[in-house]
Amino acid sequence: MKDPEEVAVMLRLQSLGWGSRRIATELGVSRNTVKQYLRQGGWKPYASPQRDKALDGQDNWLEERFMQHRGNAEVVRQELMSERGVHVSLRTVERAVAHLRQRLRAEARATVRFETAPGRQLQIDFGSTLVEIDGERVRVHLFVATLGYSRRIFIRATRHERQSAWLQGLEEAFRHFGGVPTEVIVDNARALVNHHDPLTREVEFNDRFSAFCRYWGTKPKACRPYRARTKGKDERSVGYAKRNAIAGRTFASWEALEAHLCWWMREIADQRKHGTTGEVPAVRFEGQERAALLPLGGRAPFQQLRELQRKVGSDACVEVDTNAYSVPWHLIGSEVTVQVHGGRVEVLHAGERIAEHAELTGHRRRSIERQHLVGVVGVPSAQVQDAPAPDELHQPATGELQRSLQDYEDAIGGGF
């Protein structure tokens, strides 16, 4: 195809009486090309032939699935093949949805700031970071709760993010603030939310979490999947706590960390001038939000009970959160039930409580009751440590299983 300027020269030479052969020779082009342009009277763009496309008529379906799968064109291609019977390459699908990617990026970044009424909303989340405690780098999980109106925050250090940590953190936040908000905004953590449909926005909360909210008279709400920005107040509070309360600090013990967080909440977080509201959170809270919170009503703590199934190891211990707790040695190899609540670890077998220990802090520690090992040969007393039992449990017991060392020496044929 020739440029419009070249075709204009052909028409100009024709108007001067030149023939097609002379024009072709002058311009160095084919005579047929000259004749074609002279015949059509000028330059015209090339018209590509119209062909049916494999994705014709699929625009609405493609848009719906592309947005549902948050831009994953490969999943769209798979569903296109299985549901629609359309076999195309991944590149074909990517070209068809290219115009939707900008919309997806804009939607992800779009933020509409809104202010909640006093006492209405509490946003909660977890963040984790490494902290040096007693000379050891420990993974600490930070539960952070932020009141939507005053921006006052509550922070609690935990060793995990299981459901018990979420519920205990919430309960302590209610008591810290002296009241209960109308609603609690959570992300879609598996400990709290069983299912959240991103299209219908139908949410199925965990039964125990739902019971907890009913007990305290608050309403749970889950933020939109893939849109943690909808609880951005608490997202920012988690980052603030990591950078300000924790970063670069070391602690002599876990208790020292907890004491530091209490001081930091009271003296730093509550007294700072908030960048969005322009007010001090403690002042804003006392002025309008405290009175708007629902009263605690003298409720007792919501009973939290972790119930685990464990097999007694060859060391006559069961393991909970990497820590070991002893049980009577004759149960080695048996299945037992372990209940953790109120800072205590109870072990049950056949419905009967067989051992009870104080819950250990830290990791890979051992709580051994001397009585559980009575009758076992070759257990040095140095191994019996941590969480001492009542005095009577440490007294030597008598029975046919307990023998003197002389008995064993005689049985194997003399001394060493």
Foldseek 3Di string as FASTA:
>chain_A
DDDQVLLVVLVVVVVVVDDLVVSCVVVVHDSVVSVVSVVVVGDDDDDDDDDDDLCPPCLVVLLVVCVQVLNPLVVVQVCCCVPVVGHDDSVVSCVSCVVCNVVSVCVQPDDDDDADAFQAEKEKDKDWDWAAEQNDTAIWIKIKIAGRHLRQMDIDIDRDDALVVVLVSQVVVCVVLQFAGQEYEYECDVNFWVDARLPVRDTDTDPVNVVSCVLQNHHYDYDRPPRCVVVVSRVVVNVCCCVPQGPPDHYHHPVRSRVSSVCCSVPPQQQDQDPPVRHRSVCSCVVGRSVNGHHSVPDDRDWDKDKDKFAQACVQWTDDQQETEHFQNVRHRHIWIWIDTPQKIWIGDPRHTGDIFGHDPDHNYYAYQPLSCQLPPDDDPVVHDDGYDPPVSPDHDDDPSDDDVVVVQVVVPHDD
